[in-house]
């Protein structure tokens, strides 16, 4: 059975292949900035879609392996989850292509890599979190990180379990964290703290962001 670190490494291979495809595409582009942007808007969502199938399948396999290790009494088989994000990806690609219209287009590859990395990784995390919601035997999920930034370390601190089904997976550009389903609180640790849940909210106020920055700078 696949371990969390092995599944995470496999995901990075999938993401790397997607980045290679996008980089190769960008290197072959010709014509005006408008023509190049049009080509990116057409092709990049398809690249992300192709590799998203792989990342979501990896997550479903990992979920089933974790479930088999925990051996809960009820039967459940994980399903890959790929949310339709074509329009959002196109908007992100348009942002990545903005430097093509300036005197210095060198920022385009980095921006495009951010978009492809984030969107190719997303189905892996969505698959873990959505199946955790559907599975009656799952008690929550935990964040898997290898150090990373202060926010990532805080969200993953001491194997915290996110039990609230509304908790989102906070991910920044180039974030390499993954999620792991949890079937027994005895195995992994305590529930995520109020601060961890607050940091995972989709919307935050300037006051809450300031509190979070102060907390991270003090503790991490």
N, C-alpha and C. Protein backbone atom coordinates (compact mmCIF):
# COMPACT_ATOMS: atom_id res chain seq x y z
N UNK A 1 0.84 -1.19 0.00
CA UNK A 1 0.00 0.00 0.00
C UNK A 1 0.88 1.25 0.00
N UNK A 2 0.37 2.30 -0.60
CA UNK A 2 1.12 3.54 -0.74
C UNK A 2 1.09 4.36 0.54
N UNK A 3 2.25 4.85 0.96
CA UNK A 3 2.32 5.72 2.13
C UNK A 3 2.01 7.16 1.72
N UNK A 4 1.82 8.02 2.72
CA UNK A 4 1.53 9.43 2.44
C UNK A 4 2.67 10.08 1.67
N UNK A 5 3.90 9.79 2.06
CA UNK A 5 5.05 10.39 1.39
C UNK A 5 5.20 9.87 -0.04
N UNK A 6 4.91 8.59 -0.25
CA UNK A 6 4.99 8.01 -1.59
C UNK A 6 3.92 8.59 -2.51
N UNK A 7 2.72 8.77 -1.98
CA UNK A 7 1.65 9.34 -2.78
C UNK A 7 1.95 10.80 -3.11
N UNK A 8 2.51 11.50 -2.16
CA UNK A 8 2.89 12.90 -2.39
C UNK A 8 3.97 12.99 -3.46
N UNK A 9 4.95 12.09 -3.42
CA UNK A 9 6.01 12.07 -4.43
C UNK A 9 5.43 11.77 -5.81
N UNK A 10 4.47 10.86 -5.87
CA UNK A 10 3.84 10.53 -7.16
C UNK A 10 3.08 11.73 -7.70
N UNK A 11 2.42 12.47 -6.80
CA UNK A 11 1.72 13.68 -7.23
C UNK A 11 2.69 14.68 -7.84
N UNK A 12 3.86 14.83 -7.24
CA UNK A 12 4.84 15.79 -7.76
C UNK A 12 5.33 15.38 -9.15
N UNK A 13 5.37 14.08 -9.42
CA UNK A 13 5.73 13.62 -10.76
C UNK A 13 4.66 14.02 -11.77
N UNK A 14 3.39 13.87 -11.39
CA UNK A 14 2.29 14.26 -12.27
C UNK A 14 2.32 15.77 -12.52
N UNK A 15 2.51 16.54 -11.44
CA UNK A 15 2.57 17.99 -11.57
C UNK A 15 3.76 18.39 -12.43
N UNK A 16 4.89 17.73 -12.24
CA UNK A 16 6.08 18.03 -13.04
C UNK A 16 5.85 17.78 -14.52
N UNK A 17 5.13 16.71 -14.84
CA UNK A 17 4.83 16.42 -16.24
C UNK A 17 3.90 17.49 -16.83
N UNK A 18 2.94 17.96 -16.04
CA UNK A 18 2.06 19.03 -16.50
C UNK A 18 2.84 20.31 -16.74
N UNK A 19 3.77 20.62 -15.84
CA UNK A 19 4.60 21.82 -16.01
C UNK A 19 5.47 21.71 -17.25
N UNK A 20 6.01 20.53 -17.49
CA UNK A 20 6.84 20.32 -18.69
C UNK A 20 6.01 20.57 -19.96
N UNK A 21 4.78 20.07 -19.96
CA UNK A 21 3.92 20.25 -21.13
C UNK A 21 3.60 21.73 -21.37
N UNK A 22 3.29 22.44 -20.28
CA UNK A 22 2.97 23.86 -20.41
C UNK A 22 4.19 24.67 -20.83
N UNK A 23 5.36 24.34 -20.27
CA UNK A 23 6.59 25.04 -20.62
C UNK A 23 6.95 24.81 -22.08
N UNK A 24 6.79 23.55 -22.54
CA UNK A 24 7.06 23.23 -23.93
C UNK A 24 6.13 24.00 -24.86
N UNK A 25 4.86 24.08 -24.49
CA UNK A 25 3.89 24.83 -25.28
C UNK A 25 4.30 26.29 -25.38
N UNK A 26 4.65 26.88 -24.25
CA UNK A 26 5.03 28.29 -24.23
C UNK A 26 6.25 28.55 -25.10
N UNK A 27 7.20 27.62 -25.10
CA UNK A 27 8.41 27.78 -25.90
C UNK A 27 8.16 27.70 -27.39
N UNK A 28 7.06 27.07 -27.79
CA UNK A 28 6.76 26.92 -29.22
C UNK A 28 5.89 28.04 -29.77
N UNK A 29 5.40 28.91 -28.90
CA UNK A 29 4.48 29.94 -29.36
C UNK A 29 5.16 30.95 -30.26
N UNK A 30 4.40 31.43 -31.23
CA UNK A 30 4.89 32.47 -32.14
C UNK A 30 3.74 33.42 -32.43
N UNK A 31 4.06 34.53 -33.07
CA UNK A 31 3.03 35.48 -33.41
C UNK A 31 2.97 36.63 -32.43
N UNK A 32 1.91 37.40 -32.52
CA UNK A 32 1.73 38.57 -31.66
C UNK A 32 1.39 38.14 -30.24
N UNK A 33 1.53 39.05 -29.26
CA UNK A 33 1.12 38.72 -27.89
C UNK A 33 -0.33 38.25 -27.82
N UNK A 34 -1.20 38.86 -28.59
CA UNK A 34 -2.60 38.46 -28.59
C UNK A 34 -2.76 37.02 -29.10
N UNK A 35 -2.03 36.68 -30.14
CA UNK A 35 -2.09 35.32 -30.68
C UNK A 35 -1.53 34.30 -29.69
N UNK A 36 -0.44 34.67 -29.02
CA UNK A 36 0.15 33.77 -28.03
C UNK A 36 -0.80 33.56 -26.85
N UNK A 37 -1.41 34.64 -26.39
CA UNK A 37 -2.37 34.51 -25.29
C UNK A 37 -3.55 33.64 -25.70
N UNK A 38 -4.03 33.82 -26.90
CA UNK A 38 -5.15 33.01 -27.39
C UNK A 38 -4.78 31.52 -27.41
N UNK A 39 -3.55 31.22 -27.83
CA UNK A 39 -3.11 29.82 -27.86
C UNK A 39 -3.03 29.24 -26.45
N UNK A 40 -2.55 30.04 -25.51
CA UNK A 40 -2.47 29.58 -24.12
C UNK A 40 -3.87 29.35 -23.54
N UNK A 41 -4.79 30.27 -23.81
CA UNK A 41 -6.15 30.13 -23.31
C UNK A 41 -6.83 28.89 -23.86
N UNK A 42 -6.46 28.50 -25.06
CA UNK A 42 -7.04 27.32 -25.68
C UNK A 42 -6.43 26.03 -25.14
N UNK A 43 -5.10 26.02 -24.98
CA UNK A 43 -4.40 24.76 -24.70
C UNK A 43 -4.20 24.45 -23.22
N UNK A 44 -3.95 25.45 -22.40
CA UNK A 44 -3.59 25.18 -21.01
C UNK A 44 -4.71 24.49 -20.23
N UNK A 45 -5.98 24.90 -20.36
CA UNK A 45 -7.03 24.16 -19.66
C UNK A 45 -7.06 22.68 -20.03
N UNK A 46 -6.75 22.35 -21.28
CA UNK A 46 -6.71 20.95 -21.70
C UNK A 46 -5.54 20.21 -21.05
N UNK A 47 -4.41 20.88 -20.94
CA UNK A 47 -3.25 20.28 -20.27
C UNK A 47 -3.58 19.99 -18.82
N UNK A 48 -4.16 20.98 -18.14
CA UNK A 48 -4.53 20.80 -16.73
C UNK A 48 -5.55 19.67 -16.59
N UNK A 49 -6.53 19.63 -17.48
CA UNK A 49 -7.56 18.59 -17.42
C UNK A 49 -6.95 17.20 -17.56
N UNK A 50 -6.03 17.05 -18.50
CA UNK A 50 -5.39 15.76 -18.73
C UNK A 50 -4.67 15.26 -17.48
N UNK A 51 -3.88 16.11 -16.87
CA UNK A 51 -3.10 15.68 -15.71
C UNK A 51 -3.91 15.69 -14.42
N UNK A 52 -5.03 16.41 -14.42
CA UNK A 52 -5.93 16.38 -13.26
C UNK A 52 -6.54 14.99 -13.07
N UNK A 53 -6.81 14.32 -14.17
CA UNK A 53 -7.31 12.95 -14.07
C UNK A 53 -6.31 12.06 -13.34
N UNK A 54 -5.02 12.28 -13.60
CA UNK A 54 -3.99 11.49 -12.93
C UNK A 54 -3.87 11.83 -11.46
N UNK A 55 -3.91 13.13 -11.13
CA UNK A 55 -3.75 13.52 -9.72
C UNK A 55 -4.95 13.08 -8.88
N UNK A 56 -6.16 13.16 -9.44
CA UNK A 56 -7.34 12.72 -8.69
C UNK A 56 -7.35 11.21 -8.51
N UNK A 57 -6.89 10.47 -9.52
CA UNK A 57 -6.82 9.01 -9.40
C UNK A 57 -5.81 8.59 -8.34
N UNK A 58 -4.67 9.30 -8.28
CA UNK A 58 -3.68 9.03 -7.23
C UNK A 58 -4.31 9.21 -5.85
N UNK A 59 -5.07 10.28 -5.70
CA UNK A 59 -5.67 10.56 -4.40
C UNK A 59 -6.70 9.50 -4.02
N UNK A 60 -7.50 9.06 -5.00
CA UNK A 60 -8.50 8.03 -4.71
C UNK A 60 -7.82 6.72 -4.28
N UNK A 61 -6.74 6.37 -4.95
CA UNK A 61 -6.00 5.16 -4.57
C UNK A 61 -5.41 5.29 -3.16
N UNK A 62 -4.86 6.47 -2.88
CA UNK A 62 -4.27 6.71 -1.56
C UNK A 62 -5.35 6.66 -0.48
N UNK A 63 -6.51 7.25 -0.78
CA UNK A 63 -7.62 7.22 0.18
C UNK A 63 -8.01 5.78 0.51
N UNK A 64 -8.14 4.96 -0.53
CA UNK A 64 -8.52 3.57 -0.32
C UNK A 64 -7.45 2.81 0.48
N UNK A 65 -6.17 3.12 0.23
CA UNK A 65 -5.09 2.48 0.98
C UNK A 65 -5.16 2.86 2.46
N UNK A 66 -5.37 4.15 2.73
CA UNK A 66 -5.48 4.60 4.11
C UNK A 66 -6.69 3.97 4.80
N UNK A 67 -7.75 3.83 4.06
CA UNK A 67 -8.96 3.23 4.62
C UNK A 67 -8.73 1.75 4.94
N UNK A 68 -8.04 1.07 4.05
CA UNK A 68 -7.74 -0.34 4.27
C UNK A 68 -6.86 -0.52 5.51
N UNK A 69 -5.91 0.39 5.70
CA UNK A 69 -5.05 0.32 6.89
C UNK A 69 -5.87 0.50 8.16
N UNK A 70 -6.84 1.44 8.12
CA UNK A 70 -7.64 1.71 9.31
C UNK A 70 -8.69 0.63 9.55
N UNK A 71 -9.14 -0.04 8.48
CA UNK A 71 -10.11 -1.14 8.56
C UNK A 71 -11.40 -0.76 9.28
N UNK A 72 -12.08 0.32 8.86
CA UNK A 72 -13.38 0.64 9.46
C UNK A 72 -14.42 -0.38 9.05
N UNK A 73 -15.51 -0.50 9.81
CA UNK A 73 -16.48 -1.58 9.55
C UNK A 73 -17.32 -1.40 8.29
N UNK A 74 -17.59 -0.16 7.89
CA UNK A 74 -18.47 0.08 6.75
C UNK A 74 -17.68 0.12 5.43
N UNK A 75 -18.29 -0.43 4.39
CA UNK A 75 -17.65 -0.46 3.08
C UNK A 75 -17.78 0.91 2.40
N UNK A 76 -16.70 1.33 1.76
CA UNK A 76 -16.71 2.58 0.99
C UNK A 76 -15.54 2.54 0.01
N UNK A 77 -15.77 2.97 -1.22
CA UNK A 77 -14.71 3.05 -2.22
C UNK A 77 -14.63 4.49 -2.72
N UNK A 78 -13.45 5.05 -2.64
CA UNK A 78 -13.26 6.45 -3.03
C UNK A 78 -13.40 6.63 -4.53
N UNK A 79 -13.90 7.79 -4.92
CA UNK A 79 -14.03 8.14 -6.33
C UNK A 79 -13.21 9.40 -6.62
N UNK A 80 -12.52 9.45 -7.78
CA UNK A 80 -11.79 10.66 -8.15
C UNK A 80 -12.75 11.84 -8.28
N UNK A 81 -12.30 13.01 -7.88
CA UNK A 81 -13.11 14.22 -7.96
C UNK A 81 -12.34 15.27 -8.75
N UNK A 82 -12.92 15.69 -9.87
CA UNK A 82 -12.33 16.77 -10.68
C UNK A 82 -13.43 17.80 -10.93
N UNK A 83 -13.32 18.93 -10.29
CA UNK A 83 -14.32 20.00 -10.42
C UNK A 83 -14.06 20.77 -11.72
N UNK A 84 -15.12 21.15 -12.39
CA UNK A 84 -14.99 21.93 -13.63
C UNK A 84 -14.53 23.35 -13.28
N UNK A 85 -13.29 23.66 -13.62
CA UNK A 85 -12.73 24.97 -13.33
C UNK A 85 -12.18 25.65 -14.61
N UNK A 86 -12.72 25.29 -15.75
CA UNK A 86 -12.17 25.78 -17.01
C UNK A 86 -12.17 27.31 -17.06
N UNK A 87 -13.27 27.93 -16.69
CA UNK A 87 -13.34 29.39 -16.76
C UNK A 87 -12.37 30.04 -15.79
N UNK A 88 -12.23 29.49 -14.60
CA UNK A 88 -11.29 30.04 -13.62
C UNK A 88 -9.85 29.85 -14.09
N UNK A 89 -9.59 28.71 -14.70
CA UNK A 89 -8.24 28.47 -15.24
C UNK A 89 -7.95 29.44 -16.36
N UNK A 90 -8.92 29.69 -17.22
CA UNK A 90 -8.72 30.64 -18.31
C UNK A 90 -8.43 32.04 -17.79
N UNK A 91 -9.12 32.44 -16.74
CA UNK A 91 -8.84 33.76 -16.15
C UNK A 91 -7.43 33.81 -15.59
N UNK A 92 -7.00 32.72 -14.96
CA UNK A 92 -5.65 32.66 -14.41
C UNK A 92 -4.60 32.67 -15.52
N UNK A 93 -4.89 31.99 -16.62
CA UNK A 93 -3.97 31.97 -17.76
C UNK A 93 -3.86 33.36 -18.38
N UNK A 94 -4.99 34.06 -18.45
CA UNK A 94 -4.96 35.43 -18.97
C UNK A 94 -4.05 36.31 -18.11
N UNK A 95 -4.13 36.12 -16.80
CA UNK A 95 -3.22 36.85 -15.89
C UNK A 95 -1.77 36.47 -16.17
N UNK A 96 -1.51 35.18 -16.36
CA UNK A 96 -0.15 34.72 -16.62
C UNK A 96 0.39 35.31 -17.91
N UNK A 97 -0.49 35.56 -18.87
CA UNK A 97 -0.06 36.06 -20.18
C UNK A 97 0.10 37.57 -20.23
N UNK A 98 -0.31 38.27 -19.19
CA UNK A 98 -0.22 39.74 -19.19
C UNK A 98 1.17 40.27 -19.54
N UNK A 99 2.26 39.68 -19.00
CA UNK A 99 3.59 40.22 -19.33
C UNK A 99 3.94 40.15 -20.82
N UNK A 100 3.25 39.31 -21.59
CA UNK A 100 3.51 39.24 -23.03
C UNK A 100 3.23 40.58 -23.72
N UNK A 101 2.40 41.39 -23.09
CA UNK A 101 2.00 42.67 -23.68
C UNK A 101 2.88 43.83 -23.18
N UNK A 102 3.96 43.51 -22.49
CA UNK A 102 4.87 44.53 -21.97
C UNK A 102 6.23 44.41 -22.66
N UNK A 103 7.13 45.29 -22.27
CA UNK A 103 8.49 45.24 -22.83
C UNK A 103 9.31 44.12 -22.22
N UNK A 104 8.83 43.52 -21.14
CA UNK A 104 9.56 42.44 -20.48
C UNK A 104 8.62 41.26 -20.24
N UNK A 105 8.54 40.33 -21.20
CA UNK A 105 7.63 39.18 -21.05
C UNK A 105 8.20 38.04 -20.21
N UNK A 106 9.36 38.26 -19.57
CA UNK A 106 10.05 37.16 -18.89
C UNK A 106 9.30 36.62 -17.68
N UNK A 107 8.31 37.36 -17.19
CA UNK A 107 7.55 36.88 -16.02
C UNK A 107 6.50 35.84 -16.41
N UNK A 108 6.23 35.71 -17.70
CA UNK A 108 5.16 34.80 -18.13
C UNK A 108 5.41 33.35 -17.73
N UNK A 109 6.61 32.77 -17.94
CA UNK A 109 6.80 31.36 -17.56
C UNK A 109 6.56 31.09 -16.08
N UNK A 110 7.02 31.99 -15.21
CA UNK A 110 6.80 31.79 -13.78
C UNK A 110 5.34 31.86 -13.40
N UNK A 111 4.65 32.82 -13.98
CA UNK A 111 3.21 32.94 -13.70
C UNK A 111 2.45 31.71 -14.20
N UNK A 112 2.79 31.27 -15.41
CA UNK A 112 2.11 30.11 -15.97
C UNK A 112 2.37 28.87 -15.13
N UNK A 113 3.59 28.72 -14.64
CA UNK A 113 3.93 27.57 -13.79
C UNK A 113 3.10 27.59 -12.50
N UNK A 114 2.89 28.78 -11.93
CA UNK A 114 2.06 28.89 -10.72
C UNK A 114 0.65 28.36 -10.98
N UNK A 115 0.09 28.78 -12.11
CA UNK A 115 -1.27 28.37 -12.45
C UNK A 115 -1.36 26.86 -12.65
N UNK A 116 -0.46 26.32 -13.44
CA UNK A 116 -0.51 24.89 -13.76
C UNK A 116 -0.25 24.04 -12.51
N UNK A 117 0.72 24.44 -11.70
CA UNK A 117 1.03 23.68 -10.49
C UNK A 117 -0.17 23.64 -9.54
N UNK A 118 -0.76 24.81 -9.31
CA UNK A 118 -1.88 24.90 -8.37
C UNK A 118 -3.09 24.13 -8.87
N UNK A 119 -3.41 24.27 -10.15
CA UNK A 119 -4.62 23.65 -10.68
C UNK A 119 -4.46 22.15 -10.91
N UNK A 120 -3.26 21.68 -11.17
CA UNK A 120 -3.05 20.23 -11.34
C UNK A 120 -3.05 19.53 -9.99
N UNK A 121 -2.61 20.22 -8.94
CA UNK A 121 -2.62 19.64 -7.59
C UNK A 121 -4.00 19.65 -6.96
N UNK A 122 -4.83 20.60 -7.36
CA UNK A 122 -6.13 20.80 -6.71
C UNK A 122 -7.01 19.54 -6.71
N UNK A 123 -7.14 18.78 -7.82
CA UNK A 123 -8.00 17.61 -7.81
C UNK A 123 -7.56 16.54 -6.81
N UNK A 124 -6.26 16.45 -6.53
CA UNK A 124 -5.79 15.51 -5.51
C UNK A 124 -6.41 15.88 -4.16
N UNK A 125 -6.28 17.15 -3.80
CA UNK A 125 -6.81 17.59 -2.50
C UNK A 125 -8.33 17.52 -2.48
N UNK A 126 -8.98 17.93 -3.58
CA UNK A 126 -10.44 17.87 -3.64
C UNK A 126 -10.94 16.44 -3.48
N UNK A 127 -10.22 15.48 -4.06
CA UNK A 127 -10.63 14.08 -3.96
C UNK A 127 -10.58 13.59 -2.52
N UNK A 128 -9.51 13.94 -1.81
CA UNK A 128 -9.40 13.53 -0.40
C UNK A 128 -10.50 14.18 0.43
N UNK A 129 -10.70 15.48 0.28
CA UNK A 129 -11.65 16.20 1.12
C UNK A 129 -13.10 15.83 0.80
N UNK A 130 -13.42 15.64 -0.47
CA UNK A 130 -14.80 15.32 -0.84
C UNK A 130 -15.15 13.89 -0.42
N UNK A 131 -14.24 12.95 -0.59
CA UNK A 131 -14.52 11.58 -0.14
C UNK A 131 -14.59 11.50 1.37
N UNK A 132 -13.80 12.32 2.05
CA UNK A 132 -13.90 12.36 3.51
C UNK A 132 -15.31 12.80 3.94
N UNK A 133 -15.92 13.72 3.18
CA UNK A 133 -17.28 14.16 3.51
C UNK A 133 -18.30 13.05 3.26
N UNK A 134 -18.08 12.28 2.18
CA UNK A 134 -19.04 11.24 1.80
C UNK A 134 -18.91 9.97 2.64
N UNK A 135 -17.73 9.71 3.12
CA UNK A 135 -17.43 8.45 3.81
C UNK A 135 -17.90 8.51 5.26
N UNK A 136 -18.85 7.66 5.65
CA UNK A 136 -19.37 7.71 7.03
C UNK A 136 -18.34 7.30 8.08
N UNK A 137 -17.26 6.67 7.66
CA UNK A 137 -16.25 6.21 8.63
C UNK A 137 -15.10 7.20 8.82
N UNK A 138 -15.04 8.24 7.99
CA UNK A 138 -13.95 9.21 8.10
C UNK A 138 -14.29 10.25 9.16
N UNK A 139 -13.32 10.58 10.01
CA UNK A 139 -13.56 11.58 11.05
C UNK A 139 -12.99 12.94 10.65
N UNK A 140 -12.14 12.99 9.63
CA UNK A 140 -11.56 14.26 9.22
C UNK A 140 -10.38 14.05 8.28
N UNK A 141 -9.54 15.07 8.18
CA UNK A 141 -8.35 14.99 7.34
C UNK A 141 -7.23 15.79 7.99
N UNK A 142 -6.03 15.45 7.63
CA UNK A 142 -4.88 16.19 8.14
C UNK A 142 -4.01 16.64 6.97
N UNK A 143 -3.23 17.67 7.20
CA UNK A 143 -2.37 18.24 6.17
C UNK A 143 -1.00 17.59 6.24
N UNK A 144 -0.45 17.22 5.07
CA UNK A 144 0.87 16.62 4.98
C UNK A 144 1.81 17.63 4.33
N UNK A 145 2.86 18.02 5.04
CA UNK A 145 3.79 19.00 4.50
C UNK A 145 5.21 18.63 4.88
N UNK A 146 6.15 19.08 4.08
CA UNK A 146 7.57 18.90 4.40
C UNK A 146 8.15 20.25 4.76
N UNK A 147 7.84 20.73 5.93
CA UNK A 147 8.31 22.06 6.32
C UNK A 147 7.44 23.11 5.70
N UNK A 148 7.87 23.67 4.59
CA UNK A 148 7.08 24.67 3.90
C UNK A 148 7.08 26.01 4.61
N UNK A 149 6.14 26.87 4.23
CA UNK A 149 6.06 28.20 4.81
C UNK A 149 5.45 28.14 6.21
N UNK A 150 5.43 29.29 6.88
CA UNK A 150 4.88 29.35 8.24
C UNK A 150 3.43 28.92 8.27
N UNK A 151 2.64 29.36 7.29
CA UNK A 151 1.23 29.01 7.26
C UNK A 151 1.05 27.50 7.12
N UNK A 152 1.80 26.88 6.21
CA UNK A 152 1.69 25.44 6.02
C UNK A 152 2.06 24.68 7.28
N UNK A 153 3.12 25.11 7.95
CA UNK A 153 3.55 24.43 9.18
C UNK A 153 2.50 24.57 10.27
N UNK A 154 1.88 25.74 10.36
CA UNK A 154 0.86 25.95 11.37
C UNK A 154 -0.37 25.09 11.09
N UNK A 155 -0.79 25.03 9.82
CA UNK A 155 -1.97 24.24 9.47
C UNK A 155 -1.75 22.75 9.68
N UNK A 156 -0.50 22.30 9.58
CA UNK A 156 -0.19 20.88 9.73
C UNK A 156 0.32 20.55 11.14
N UNK A 157 0.36 21.52 12.02
CA UNK A 157 1.04 21.37 13.30
C UNK A 157 0.52 20.18 14.11
N UNK A 158 1.46 19.35 14.54
CA UNK A 158 1.20 18.19 15.43
C UNK A 158 0.12 17.26 14.88
N UNK A 159 0.04 17.16 13.56
CA UNK A 159 -0.90 16.22 12.97
C UNK A 159 -2.35 16.58 13.19
N UNK A 160 -2.64 17.88 13.31
CA UNK A 160 -4.00 18.33 13.62
C UNK A 160 -5.02 17.78 12.62
N UNK A 161 -6.18 17.42 13.14
CA UNK A 161 -7.26 16.86 12.31
C UNK A 161 -8.31 17.94 12.07
N UNK A 162 -8.63 18.16 10.81
CA UNK A 162 -9.70 19.09 10.46
C UNK A 162 -10.99 18.27 10.35
N UNK A 163 -11.85 18.42 11.36
CA UNK A 163 -13.08 17.62 11.43
C UNK A 163 -14.27 18.34 10.83
N UNK A 164 -14.23 19.65 10.77
CA UNK A 164 -15.33 20.42 10.21
C UNK A 164 -15.38 20.21 8.70
N UNK A 165 -16.52 19.80 8.17
CA UNK A 165 -16.61 19.51 6.73
C UNK A 165 -16.53 20.77 5.89
N UNK A 166 -16.67 21.96 6.51
CA UNK A 166 -16.56 23.20 5.74
C UNK A 166 -15.13 23.72 5.68
N UNK A 167 -14.20 23.09 6.38
CA UNK A 167 -12.81 23.55 6.35
C UNK A 167 -12.23 23.34 4.96
N UNK A 168 -11.60 24.38 4.41
CA UNK A 168 -11.00 24.27 3.08
C UNK A 168 -9.51 23.99 3.21
N UNK A 169 -8.92 23.54 2.10
CA UNK A 169 -7.49 23.30 2.06
C UNK A 169 -6.81 24.58 1.57
N UNK A 170 -6.26 25.35 2.49
CA UNK A 170 -5.60 26.60 2.12
C UNK A 170 -4.30 26.29 1.39
N UNK A 171 -4.18 26.74 0.14
CA UNK A 171 -2.99 26.46 -0.66
C UNK A 171 -2.52 27.74 -1.34
N UNK A 172 -1.23 28.00 -1.24
CA UNK A 172 -0.64 29.17 -1.89
C UNK A 172 0.05 28.71 -3.18
N UNK A 173 0.46 29.65 -4.06
CA UNK A 173 1.19 29.25 -5.26
C UNK A 173 2.43 28.44 -4.91
N UNK A 174 2.65 27.36 -5.65
CA UNK A 174 3.78 26.45 -5.44
C UNK A 174 3.68 25.66 -4.14
N UNK A 175 2.51 25.60 -3.54
CA UNK A 175 2.31 24.81 -2.33
C UNK A 175 2.38 23.32 -2.69
N UNK A 176 3.18 22.58 -1.95
CA UNK A 176 3.34 21.15 -2.23
C UNK A 176 2.70 20.28 -1.15
N UNK A 177 1.87 20.86 -0.31
CA UNK A 177 1.19 20.09 0.73
C UNK A 177 0.10 19.20 0.12
N UNK A 178 -0.18 18.10 0.81
CA UNK A 178 -1.29 17.23 0.42
C UNK A 178 -2.15 16.96 1.63
N UNK A 179 -3.24 16.23 1.43
CA UNK A 179 -4.16 15.90 2.51
C UNK A 179 -4.20 14.40 2.72
N UNK A 180 -4.49 13.99 3.94
CA UNK A 180 -4.57 12.57 4.30
C UNK A 180 -5.86 12.34 5.09
N UNK A 181 -6.69 11.37 4.68
CA UNK A 181 -7.91 11.10 5.45
C UNK A 181 -7.58 10.48 6.79
N UNK A 182 -8.44 10.75 7.77
CA UNK A 182 -8.26 10.24 9.13
C UNK A 182 -9.51 9.47 9.53
N UNK A 183 -9.30 8.29 10.07
CA UNK A 183 -10.43 7.44 10.45
C UNK A 183 -10.51 7.18 11.94
N UNK A 184 -9.49 7.61 12.69
CA UNK A 184 -9.51 7.45 14.14
C UNK A 184 -8.71 8.57 14.77
N UNK A 185 -9.33 9.34 15.65
CA UNK A 185 -8.61 10.43 16.31
C UNK A 185 -7.52 9.91 17.23
N UNK A 186 -7.61 8.65 17.65
CA UNK A 186 -6.59 8.08 18.52
C UNK A 186 -5.26 7.92 17.79
N UNK A 187 -5.31 7.81 16.47
CA UNK A 187 -4.10 7.53 15.69
C UNK A 187 -3.29 8.77 15.36
N UNK A 188 -3.95 9.92 15.27
CA UNK A 188 -3.26 11.04 14.66
C UNK A 188 -3.12 12.30 15.53
N UNK A 189 -3.96 12.53 16.46
CA UNK A 189 -3.77 13.73 17.25
C UNK A 189 -5.07 14.46 17.51
N UNK A 190 -4.93 15.71 17.96
CA UNK A 190 -6.07 16.51 18.38
C UNK A 190 -6.71 17.25 17.21
N UNK A 191 -7.93 17.69 17.43
CA UNK A 191 -8.62 18.47 16.40
C UNK A 191 -7.90 19.80 16.18
N UNK A 192 -7.98 20.30 14.96
CA UNK A 192 -7.36 21.58 14.63
C UNK A 192 -7.86 22.67 15.56
N UNK A 193 -6.97 23.62 15.85
CA UNK A 193 -7.30 24.70 16.76
C UNK A 193 -8.17 25.75 16.06
N UNK A 194 -8.69 26.67 16.85
CA UNK A 194 -9.50 27.76 16.30
C UNK A 194 -8.69 28.55 15.27
N UNK A 195 -7.41 28.80 15.55
CA UNK A 195 -6.57 29.56 14.64
C UNK A 195 -6.37 28.80 13.32
N UNK A 196 -6.21 27.49 13.41
CA UNK A 196 -6.03 26.69 12.20
C UNK A 196 -7.30 26.72 11.34
N UNK A 197 -8.45 26.62 11.99
CA UNK A 197 -9.70 26.70 11.23
C UNK A 197 -9.89 28.08 10.63
N UNK A 198 -9.54 29.11 11.39
CA UNK A 198 -9.69 30.47 10.90
C UNK A 198 -8.83 30.70 9.66
N UNK A 199 -7.63 30.13 9.67
CA UNK A 199 -6.72 30.29 8.53
C UNK A 199 -7.20 29.55 7.30
N UNK A 200 -8.10 28.58 7.47
CA UNK A 200 -8.59 27.80 6.33
C UNK A 200 -9.87 28.38 5.74
N UNK A 201 -10.35 29.50 6.29
CA UNK A 201 -11.57 30.10 5.78
C UNK A 201 -11.35 30.70 4.39
N UNK A 202 -12.38 30.66 3.57
CA UNK A 202 -12.28 31.22 2.23
C UNK A 202 -12.17 32.74 2.28
N UNK A 203 -12.90 33.36 3.18
CA UNK A 203 -12.88 34.81 3.29
C UNK A 203 -12.37 35.20 4.67
N UNK A 204 -11.56 36.24 4.70
CA UNK A 204 -11.05 36.73 5.97
C UNK A 204 -11.05 38.25 5.95
N UNK A 205 -11.11 38.84 7.11
CA UNK A 205 -11.12 40.29 7.23
C UNK A 205 -9.69 40.79 7.45
N UNK A 206 -9.43 42.08 7.22
CA UNK A 206 -8.10 42.62 7.52
C UNK A 206 -7.68 42.36 8.96
N UNK A 207 -8.65 42.40 9.88
CA UNK A 207 -8.33 42.16 11.29
C UNK A 207 -7.89 40.72 11.51
N UNK A 208 -8.61 39.76 10.91
CA UNK A 208 -8.26 38.36 11.11
C UNK A 208 -6.93 38.04 10.44
N UNK A 209 -6.65 38.67 9.28
CA UNK A 209 -5.36 38.46 8.62
C UNK A 209 -4.22 39.01 9.46
N UNK A 210 -4.44 40.15 10.09
CA UNK A 210 -3.41 40.73 10.96
C UNK A 210 -3.16 39.83 12.17
N UNK A 211 -4.23 39.28 12.75
CA UNK A 211 -4.08 38.36 13.88
C UNK A 211 -3.30 37.12 13.46
N UNK A 212 -3.60 36.62 12.25
CA UNK A 212 -2.91 35.43 11.76
C UNK A 212 -1.42 35.71 11.55
N UNK A 213 -1.09 36.85 10.94
CA UNK A 213 0.32 37.19 10.72
C UNK A 213 1.06 37.30 12.05
N UNK A 214 0.42 37.92 13.04
CA UNK A 214 1.05 38.06 14.35
C UNK A 214 1.28 36.69 14.99
N UNK A 215 0.29 35.82 14.86
CA UNK A 215 0.41 34.46 15.43
C UNK A 215 1.54 33.69 14.77
N UNK A 216 1.60 33.75 13.43
CA UNK A 216 2.64 33.01 12.70
C UNK A 216 4.03 33.56 13.05
N UNK A 217 4.17 34.87 13.11
CA UNK A 217 5.48 35.45 13.40
C UNK A 217 5.93 35.16 14.82
N UNK A 218 4.97 34.98 15.71
CA UNK A 218 5.30 34.68 17.11
C UNK A 218 5.64 33.23 17.34
N UNK A 219 4.95 32.33 16.62
CA UNK A 219 5.04 30.90 16.92
C UNK A 219 5.79 30.06 15.90
N UNK A 220 6.12 30.62 14.70
CA UNK A 220 6.72 29.79 13.66
C UNK A 220 7.91 30.49 12.99
